[in-house]
């Protein structure tokens, strides 16, 4: 793969075009995004997100930037658990619109803000934020290292970044079952519920193309993070990566 090309699932596309393709995927599935999360994970994604918030340990003094935060699941949990303010940043207008319609977020409207922007170029000042998260979004970023460096930049010294993402299953029998679910059942569910089989085939493919736990930890280190920890969830189907900004 050349410097001018990048993965889009199992396809190779021009680096400059990936954002457009990803945007089309999420614009298509935005209205049914939360429902599909429940269906395709049997609701387990809720436990994974709760585990992420457990690591964040929100406090009333803390400001969160939730990257690729679209429909607001992470910000909702952060605020409900006592966090001070959440700023959702997403590159897709349709995902933000879907999030803004959520009734369960309206109660926190005075502690919540939304911005349409890329994780690679954040409209946030250096050293202003206590916590940064990205949940199931780093896979879709064209320049992942740029996004990691931006997360590091906007954090205060002593701030923490947590990434929740689909990862690599270590157990061979579980891996085979997971592949069967991902490539056979998931696209069919996408067609039935979201009327978009292709988007959920891309989801399955993009997971396999994403760096494994060790490789992503190395990327965290290259971006400047310290005290990096990884927690596998559901046998490695998902994983939380955590890093701290020391200075």
C-alpha atoms as a PDB file:
ATOM      1  CA  UNK A   1       0.000   0.000   0.000  1.00  0.00           C
ATOM      2  CA  UNK A   2       1.462   3.365  -1.041  1.00  0.00           C
ATOM      3  CA  UNK A   3       1.555   6.529   1.057  1.00  0.00           C
ATOM      4  CA  UNK A   4      -1.295   7.896  -1.073  1.00  0.00           C
ATOM      5  CA  UNK A   5      -3.609   4.927  -0.393  1.00  0.00           C
ATOM      6  CA  UNK A   6      -5.269   3.481   2.702  1.00  0.00           C
ATOM      7  CA  UNK A   7      -7.582   0.698   3.764  1.00  0.00           C
ATOM      8  CA  UNK A   8     -11.339   1.100   3.598  1.00  0.00           C
ATOM      9  CA  UNK A   9     -12.365  -2.261   4.941  1.00  0.00           C
ATOM     10  CA  UNK A  10     -10.693  -4.812   2.659  1.00  0.00           C
ATOM     11  CA  UNK A  11     -10.550  -2.296  -0.182  1.00  0.00           C
ATOM     12  CA  UNK A  12      -7.686   0.064  -0.890  1.00  0.00           C
ATOM     13  CA  UNK A  13      -8.739   3.642  -1.629  1.00  0.00           C
ATOM     14  CA  UNK A  14      -7.012   6.970  -2.139  1.00  0.00           C
ATOM     15  CA  UNK A  15      -6.135   8.459   1.245  1.00  0.00           C
ATOM     16  CA  UNK A  16      -7.881  11.689   0.298  1.00  0.00           C
ATOM     17  CA  UNK A  17     -11.100   9.774  -0.430  1.00  0.00           C
ATOM     18  CA  UNK A  18     -11.467   7.682   2.746  1.00  0.00           C
ATOM     19  CA  UNK A  19     -13.197  10.398   4.757  1.00  0.00           C
ATOM     20  CA  UNK A  20     -15.844  10.700   2.051  1.00  0.00           C
ATOM     21  CA  UNK A  21     -16.492   6.954   2.022  1.00  0.00           C
ATOM     22  CA  UNK A  22     -16.682   6.722   5.801  1.00  0.00           C
ATOM     23  CA  UNK A  23     -18.997   9.738   5.845  1.00  0.00           C
ATOM     24  CA  UNK A  24     -21.363   8.025   3.449  1.00  0.00           C
ATOM     25  CA  UNK A  25     -21.466   4.921   5.662  1.00  0.00           C
ATOM     26  CA  UNK A  26     -22.398   6.823   8.797  1.00  0.00           C
ATOM     27  CA  UNK A  27     -24.833   9.168   7.098  1.00  0.00           C
ATOM     28  CA  UNK A  28     -26.668   6.064   5.900  1.00  0.00           C
ATOM     29  CA  UNK A  29     -26.819   4.259   9.251  1.00  0.00           C
ATOM     30  CA  UNK A  30     -27.203   7.253  11.614  1.00  0.00           C
ATOM     31  CA  UNK A  31     -30.991   6.900  12.177  1.00  0.00           C
ATOM     32  CA  UNK A  32     -30.647   3.235  13.205  1.00  0.00           C
ATOM     33  CA  UNK A  33     -27.137   3.390  14.667  1.00  0.00           C
ATOM     34  CA  UNK A  34     -28.065   2.931  18.336  1.00  0.00           C
ATOM     35  CA  UNK A  35     -30.568   0.165  17.597  1.00  0.00           C
ATOM     36  CA  UNK A  36     -28.014  -1.711  15.496  1.00  0.00           C
ATOM     37  CA  UNK A  37     -25.453  -1.451  18.294  1.00  0.00           C
ATOM     38  CA  UNK A  38     -27.884  -3.224  20.603  1.00  0.00           C
ATOM     39  CA  UNK A  39     -28.804  -5.872  18.046  1.00  0.00           C
ATOM     40  CA  UNK A  40     -25.358  -6.720  16.744  1.00  0.00           C
ATOM     41  CA  UNK A  41     -23.783  -6.956  20.222  1.00  0.00           C
ATOM     42  CA  UNK A  42     -26.847  -8.334  22.056  1.00  0.00           C
ATOM     43  CA  UNK A  43     -26.585  -5.231  24.234  1.00  0.00           C
ATOM     44  CA  UNK A  44     -23.036  -6.047  25.378  1.00  0.00           C
ATOM     45  CA  UNK A  45     -21.727  -2.753  23.978  1.00  0.00           C
ATOM     46  CA  UNK A  46     -23.465  -1.108  26.942  1.00  0.00           C
ATOM     47  CA  UNK A  47     -21.295  -3.094  29.367  1.00  0.00           C
ATOM     48  CA  UNK A  48     -18.173  -2.199  27.395  1.00  0.00           C
ATOM     49  CA  UNK A  49     -19.050   1.501  27.571  1.00  0.00           C
ATOM     50  CA  UNK A  50     -19.776   1.220  31.286  1.00  0.00           C
ATOM     51  CA  UNK A  51     -16.323  -0.340  31.719  1.00  0.00           C
ATOM     52  CA  UNK A  52     -14.797   2.641  29.906  1.00  0.00           C
ATOM     53  CA  UNK A  53     -16.551   5.045  32.267  1.00  0.00           C
ATOM     54  CA  UNK A  54     -15.355   3.015  35.248  1.00  0.00           C
ATOM     55  CA  UNK A  55     -11.788   3.673  34.103  1.00  0.00           C
ATOM     56  CA  UNK A  56     -12.479   7.373  33.577  1.00  0.00           C
ATOM     57  CA  UNK A  57     -13.961   7.764  37.086  1.00  0.00           C
ATOM     58  CA  UNK A  58     -15.774  11.051  36.243  1.00  0.00           C
ATOM     59  CA  UNK A  59     -15.668  14.007  38.631  1.00  0.00           C
ATOM     60  CA  UNK A  60     -17.624  17.239  38.672  1.00  0.00           C
ATOM     61  CA  UNK A  61     -14.463  19.254  37.993  1.00  0.00           C
ATOM     62  CA  UNK A  62     -13.631  17.375  34.799  1.00  0.00           C
ATOM     63  CA  UNK A  63     -14.163  18.366  31.179  1.00  0.00           C
ATOM     64  CA  UNK A  64     -14.481  15.588  28.614  1.00  0.00           C
ATOM     65  CA  UNK A  65     -13.951  15.732  24.868  1.00  0.00           C
ATOM     66  CA  UNK A  66     -15.707  12.760  23.296  1.00  0.00           C
ATOM     67  CA  UNK A  67     -14.245  12.201  19.832  1.00  0.00           C
ATOM     68  CA  UNK A  68     -16.432  10.572  17.174  1.00  0.00           C
ATOM     69  CA  UNK A  69     -19.053  10.937  19.885  1.00  0.00           C
ATOM     70  CA  UNK A  70     -21.969  11.080  17.425  1.00  0.00           C
ATOM     71  CA  UNK A  71     -25.048   9.887  19.244  1.00  0.00           C
ATOM     72  CA  UNK A  72     -23.685  10.648  22.705  1.00  0.00           C
ATOM     73  CA  UNK A  73     -23.489   7.271  24.467  1.00  0.00           C
ATOM     74  CA  UNK A  74     -20.159   7.983  26.166  1.00  0.00           C
ATOM     75  CA  UNK A  75     -20.970  11.591  27.054  1.00  0.00           C
ATOM     76  CA  UNK A  76     -24.305  10.546  28.523  1.00  0.00           C
ATOM     77  CA  UNK A  77     -22.599   8.050  30.804  1.00  0.00           C
ATOM     78  CA  UNK A  78     -19.871  10.524  31.744  1.00  0.00           C
ATOM     79  CA  UNK A  79     -22.385  13.179  32.767  1.00  0.00           C
ATOM     80  CA  UNK A  80     -24.726  10.733  34.522  1.00  0.00           C
ATOM     81  CA  UNK A  81     -21.785   9.487  36.591  1.00  0.00           C
ATOM     82  CA  UNK A  82     -20.947  13.000  37.803  1.00  0.00           C
ATOM     83  CA  UNK A  83     -18.698  14.449  35.106  1.00  0.00           C
ATOM     84  CA  UNK A  84     -18.646  18.217  34.762  1.00  0.00           C
ATOM     85  CA  UNK A  85     -18.991  18.962  31.055  1.00  0.00           C
ATOM     86  CA  UNK A  86     -18.918  16.891  27.869  1.00  0.00           C
ATOM     87  CA  UNK A  87     -18.013  18.201  24.425  1.00  0.00           C
ATOM     88  CA  UNK A  88     -19.001  15.838  21.618  1.00  0.00           C
ATOM     89  CA  UNK A  89     -16.937  16.216  18.461  1.00  0.00           C
ATOM     90  CA  UNK A  90     -17.871  14.260  15.341  1.00  0.00           C
ATOM     91  CA  UNK A  91     -17.120  14.677  11.663  1.00  0.00           C
ATOM     92  CA  UNK A  92     -20.556  13.467  10.557  1.00  0.00           C
ATOM     93  CA  UNK A  93     -23.490  15.889  10.711  1.00  0.00           C
ATOM     94  CA  UNK A  94     -26.104  13.121  10.529  1.00  0.00           C
ATOM     95  CA  UNK A  95     -24.657  11.353  13.569  1.00  0.00           C
ATOM     96  CA  UNK A  96     -24.734  14.603  15.536  1.00  0.00           C
ATOM     97  CA  UNK A  97     -28.337  15.218  14.484  1.00  0.00           C
ATOM     98  CA  UNK A  98     -29.264  11.739  15.708  1.00  0.00           C
ATOM     99  CA  UNK A  99     -27.586  12.428  19.033  1.00  0.00           C
ATOM    100  CA  UNK A 100     -29.238  15.811  19.486  1.00  0.00           C
ATOM    101  CA  UNK A 101     -32.654  14.128  19.204  1.00  0.00           C
ATOM    102  CA  UNK A 102     -32.020  11.832  22.171  1.00  0.00           C
ATOM    103  CA  UNK A 103     -34.389  12.608  25.024  1.00  0.00           C
ATOM    104  CA  UNK A 104     -32.088  11.111  27.646  1.00  0.00           C
ATOM    105  CA  UNK A 105     -29.404  13.675  26.782  1.00  0.00           C
ATOM    106  CA  UNK A 106     -31.668  16.714  27.029  1.00  0.00           C
ATOM    107  CA  UNK A 107     -31.534  16.684  30.824  1.00  0.00           C
ATOM    108  CA  UNK A 108     -27.792  17.410  30.535  1.00  0.00           C
ATOM    109  CA  UNK A 109     -28.085  20.090  27.861  1.00  0.00           C
ATOM    110  CA  UNK A 110     -26.506  22.766  30.075  1.00  0.00           C
ATOM    111  CA  UNK A 111     -23.378  20.597  30.480  1.00  0.00           C
ATOM    112  CA  UNK A 112     -23.127  19.352  26.918  1.00  0.00           C
ATOM    113  CA  UNK A 113     -21.886  20.850  23.645  1.00  0.00           C
ATOM    114  CA  UNK A 114     -21.569  19.580  20.091  1.00  0.00           C
ATOM    115  CA  UNK A 115     -19.062  20.404  17.345  1.00  0.00           C
ATOM    116  CA  UNK A 116     -18.756  19.206  13.768  1.00  0.00           C
ATOM    117  CA  UNK A 117     -15.019  18.617  13.278  1.00  0.00           C
ATOM    118  CA  UNK A 118     -12.387  16.005  12.503  1.00  0.00           C
ATOM    119  CA  UNK A 119     -10.485  14.140  15.226  1.00  0.00           C
ATOM    120  CA  UNK A 120      -7.344  14.908  13.209  1.00  0.00           C
ATOM    121  CA  UNK A 121      -7.734  18.686  13.633  1.00  0.00           C
ATOM    122  CA  UNK A 122      -9.569  19.583  16.824  1.00  0.00           C
ATOM    123  CA  UNK A 123     -10.927  23.103  17.445  1.00  0.00           C
ATOM    124  CA  UNK A 124      -9.825  22.908  21.080  1.00  0.00           C
ATOM    125  CA  UNK A 125      -6.993  24.746  22.798  1.00  0.00           C
ATOM    126  CA  UNK A 126      -3.812  23.017  23.934  1.00  0.00           C
ATOM    127  CA  UNK A 127      -3.876  21.672  27.489  1.00  0.00           C
ATOM    128  CA  UNK A 128      -7.521  22.518  28.224  1.00  0.00           C
ATOM    129  CA  UNK A 129      -9.190  19.121  28.749  1.00  0.00           C
ATOM    130  CA  UNK A 130      -9.170  16.630  31.631  1.00  0.00           C
ATOM    131  CA  UNK A 131     -10.361  13.530  29.779  1.00  0.00           C
ATOM    132  CA  UNK A 132     -10.598  12.520  26.111  1.00  0.00           C
ATOM    133  CA  UNK A 133     -12.409   9.473  24.769  1.00  0.00           C
ATOM    134  CA  UNK A 134     -13.061   7.833  21.446  1.00  0.00           C
ATOM    135  CA  UNK A 135     -15.377   4.826  21.268  1.00  0.00           C
ATOM    136  CA  UNK A 136     -15.566   2.755  18.088  1.00  0.00           C
ATOM    137  CA  UNK A 137     -14.325   5.698  16.068  1.00  0.00           C
ATOM    138  CA  UNK A 138     -10.558   5.433  15.698  1.00  0.00           C
ATOM    139  CA  UNK A 139     -10.963   2.679  13.077  1.00  0.00           C
ATOM    140  CA  UNK A 140     -12.653   5.156  10.778  1.00  0.00           C
ATOM    141  CA  UNK A 141     -10.115   7.981  11.088  1.00  0.00           C
ATOM    142  CA  UNK A 142      -7.860   8.377   8.063  1.00  0.00           C
ATOM    143  CA  UNK A 143      -4.756   9.503   9.971  1.00  0.00           C
ATOM    144  CA  UNK A 144      -4.998   7.681  13.293  1.00  0.00           C
ATOM    145  CA  UNK A 145      -1.660   8.938  14.556  1.00  0.00           C
ATOM    146  CA  UNK A 146      -2.748  12.542  13.939  1.00  0.00           C
ATOM    147  CA  UNK A 147      -5.898  11.880  15.985  1.00  0.00           C
ATOM    148  CA  UNK A 148      -3.885  10.369  18.836  1.00  0.00           C
ATOM    149  CA  UNK A 149      -1.515  13.334  18.836  1.00  0.00           C
ATOM    150  CA  UNK A 150      -4.449  15.747  18.859  1.00  0.00           C
ATOM    151  CA  UNK A 151      -5.946  13.920  21.858  1.00  0.00           C
ATOM    152  CA  UNK A 152      -2.583  14.264  23.638  1.00  0.00           C
ATOM    153  CA  UNK A 153      -2.314  17.959  22.687  1.00  0.00           C
ATOM    154  CA  UNK A 154      -5.659  19.064  24.108  1.00  0.00           C
ATOM    155  CA  UNK A 155      -5.210  17.213  27.410  1.00  0.00           C
ATOM    156  CA  UNK A 156      -3.972  18.960  30.506  1.00  0.00           C
ATOM    157  CA  UNK A 157      -0.848  17.538  32.139  1.00  0.00           C
ATOM    158  CA  UNK A 158      -2.209  14.669  34.207  1.00  0.00           C
ATOM    159  CA  UNK A 159      -5.069  14.161  31.752  1.00  0.00           C
ATOM    160  CA  UNK A 160      -6.196  10.768  30.484  1.00  0.00           C
ATOM    161  CA  UNK A 161      -7.185   9.414  27.083  1.00  0.00           C
ATOM    162  CA  UNK A 162      -9.236   6.241  26.696  1.00  0.00           C
ATOM    163  CA  UNK A 163     -10.006   4.480  23.433  1.00  0.00           C
ATOM    164  CA  UNK A 164     -12.700   1.792  23.278  1.00  0.00           C
ATOM    165  CA  UNK A 165     -12.491  -0.108  20.026  1.00  0.00           C
ATOM    166  CA  UNK A 166     -13.134  -3.461  18.432  1.00  0.00           C
ATOM    167  CA  UNK A 167      -9.922  -5.434  18.638  1.00  0.00           C
ATOM    168  CA  UNK A 168      -8.409  -8.850  17.966  1.00  0.00           C
ATOM    169  CA  UNK A 169      -9.757 -12.042  19.535  1.00  0.00           C
ATOM    170  CA  UNK A 170      -7.025 -14.242  20.989  1.00  0.00           C
ATOM    171  CA  UNK A 171      -8.996 -17.473  21.466  1.00  0.00           C
ATOM    172  CA  UNK A 172      -9.141 -19.490  18.172  1.00  0.00           C
ATOM    173  CA  UNK A 173     -12.582 -21.116  18.716  1.00  0.00           C
ATOM    174  CA  UNK A 174     -14.101 -17.778  19.733  1.00  0.00           C
ATOM    175  CA  UNK A 175     -12.390 -16.114  16.790  1.00  0.00           C
ATOM    176  CA  UNK A 176     -14.000 -18.559  14.343  1.00  0.00           C
ATOM    177  CA  UNK A 177     -17.465 -17.981  15.823  1.00  0.00           C
ATOM    178  CA  UNK A 178     -16.895 -14.230  15.778  1.00  0.00           C
ATOM    179  CA  UNK A 179     -15.886 -14.342  12.102  1.00  0.00           C
ATOM    180  CA  UNK A 180     -19.018 -16.307  11.260  1.00  0.00           C
ATOM    181  CA  UNK A 181     -21.183 -13.754  13.051  1.00  0.00           C
ATOM    182  CA  UNK A 182     -19.354 -10.780  11.561  1.00  0.00           C
ATOM    183  CA  UNK A 183     -19.310 -11.818   7.914  1.00  0.00           C
ATOM    184  CA  UNK A 184     -22.542 -13.808   7.670  1.00  0.00           C
ATOM    185  CA  UNK A 185     -25.081 -12.526  10.200  1.00  0.00           C
ATOM    186  CA  UNK A 186     -24.052  -8.900  10.650  1.00  0.00           C
ATOM    187  CA  UNK A 187     -24.492  -7.729   7.025  1.00  0.00           C
ATOM    188  CA  UNK A 188     -27.891  -9.420   6.893  1.00  0.00           C
ATOM    189  CA  UNK A 189     -28.988  -7.651  10.064  1.00  0.00           C
ATOM    190  CA  UNK A 190     -27.723  -4.392   8.578  1.00  0.00           C
ATOM    191  CA  UNK A 191     -29.868  -4.950   5.519  1.00  0.00           C
ATOM    192  CA  UNK A 192     -32.982  -5.712   7.593  1.00  0.00           C
ATOM    193  CA  UNK A 193     -32.659  -2.996  10.255  1.00  0.00           C
ATOM    194  CA  UNK A 194     -30.614  -0.223   8.638  1.00  0.00           C
ATOM    195  CA  UNK A 195     -31.403  -1.039   5.004  1.00  0.00           C
ATOM    196  CA  UNK A 196     -27.663  -1.045   4.379  1.00  0.00           C
ATOM    197  CA  UNK A 197     -25.870  -4.370   4.078  1.00  0.00           C
ATOM    198  CA  UNK A 198     -22.718  -2.787   2.673  1.00  0.00           C
ATOM    199  CA  UNK A 199     -22.139  -0.530   5.694  1.00  0.00           C
ATOM    200  CA  UNK A 200     -22.069  -3.466   8.081  1.00  0.00           C
ATOM    201  CA  UNK A 201     -19.858  -5.510   5.801  1.00  0.00           C
ATOM    202  CA  UNK A 202     -17.458  -2.557   5.951  1.00  0.00           C
ATOM    203  CA  UNK A 203     -17.715  -2.638   9.748  1.00  0.00           C
ATOM    204  CA  UNK A 204     -16.619  -6.280   9.887  1.00  0.00           C
ATOM    205  CA  UNK A 205     -13.785  -5.683   7.436  1.00  0.00           C
ATOM    206  CA  UNK A 206     -12.549  -2.515   9.134  1.00  0.00           C
ATOM    207  CA  UNK A 207     -12.232  -4.357  12.453  1.00  0.00           C
ATOM    208  CA  UNK A 208      -9.891  -6.914  10.873  1.00  0.00           C
ATOM    209  CA  UNK A 209      -7.758  -4.158   9.352  1.00  0.00           C
ATOM    210  CA  UNK A 210      -7.384  -2.272  12.647  1.00  0.00           C
ATOM    211  CA  UNK A 211      -4.130  -2.597  14.636  1.00  0.00           C
ATOM    212  CA  UNK A 212      -4.082  -5.273  17.327  1.00  0.00           C
ATOM    213  CA  UNK A 213      -3.744  -4.501  21.025  1.00  0.00           C
ATOM    214  CA  UNK A 214       0.060  -4.430  21.045  1.00  0.00           C
ATOM    215  CA  UNK A 215       0.336  -2.318  17.891  1.00  0.00           C
ATOM    216  CA  UNK A 216      -2.179   0.246  19.144  1.00  0.00           C
ATOM    217  CA  UNK A 217      -0.299   0.472  22.447  1.00  0.00           C
ATOM    218  CA  UNK A 218       2.845   1.283  20.462  1.00  0.00           C
ATOM    219  CA  UNK A 219       0.929   4.028  18.637  1.00  0.00           C
ATOM    220  CA  UNK A 220      -0.155   5.477  21.989  1.00  0.00           C
ATOM    221  CA  UNK A 221       3.482   5.620  23.056  1.00  0.00           C
ATOM    222  CA  UNK A 222       4.551   7.266  19.790  1.00  0.00           C
ATOM    223  CA  UNK A 223       1.851   9.905  20.277  1.00  0.00           C
ATOM    224  CA  UNK A 224       3.313  10.838  23.668  1.00  0.00           C
ATOM    225  CA  UNK A 225       1.152   8.895  26.135  1.00  0.00           C
ATOM    226  CA  UNK A 226       2.568   7.217  29.236  1.00  0.00           C
ATOM    227  CA  UNK A 227       1.383   4.561  31.693  1.00  0.00           C
ATOM    228  CA  UNK A 228      -0.406   2.793  28.847  1.00  0.00           C
ATOM    229  CA  UNK A 229      -2.798   0.023  29.846  1.00  0.00           C
ATOM    230  CA  UNK A 230      -4.985  -2.355  27.860  1.00  0.00           C
ATOM    231  CA  UNK A 231      -8.099  -4.164  29.043  1.00  0.00           C
ATOM    232  CA  UNK A 232      -9.563  -6.847  26.794  1.00  0.00           C
ATOM    233  CA  UNK A 233     -13.338  -7.156  26.829  1.00  0.00           C
ATOM    234  CA  UNK A 234     -15.301 -10.268  25.832  1.00  0.00           C
ATOM    235  CA  UNK A 235     -12.170 -12.186  24.946  1.00  0.00           C
ATOM    236  CA  UNK A 236     -10.664  -9.355  22.906  1.00  0.00           C
ATOM    237  CA  UNK A 237     -13.700  -8.646  20.732  1.00  0.00           C
ATOM    238  CA  UNK A 238     -13.254  -5.142  22.096  1.00  0.00           C
ATOM    239  CA  UNK A 239     -10.493  -3.519  24.125  1.00  0.00           C
ATOM    240  CA  UNK A 240      -9.926  -0.347  26.102  1.00  0.00           C
ATOM    241  CA  UNK A 241      -6.572   1.383  25.672  1.00  0.00           C
ATOM    242  CA  UNK A 242      -5.686   4.033  28.257  1.00  0.00           C
ATOM    243  CA  UNK A 243      -2.845   6.530  28.310  1.00  0.00           C
ATOM    244  CA  UNK A 244      -1.863   9.558  30.392  1.00  0.00           C
ATOM    245  CA  UNK A 245      -0.318  12.899  29.477  1.00  0.00           C
ATOM    246  CA  UNK A 246       2.429  13.566  31.979  1.00  0.00           C
ATOM    247  CA  UNK A 247       3.601  17.018  30.839  1.00  0.00           C
END
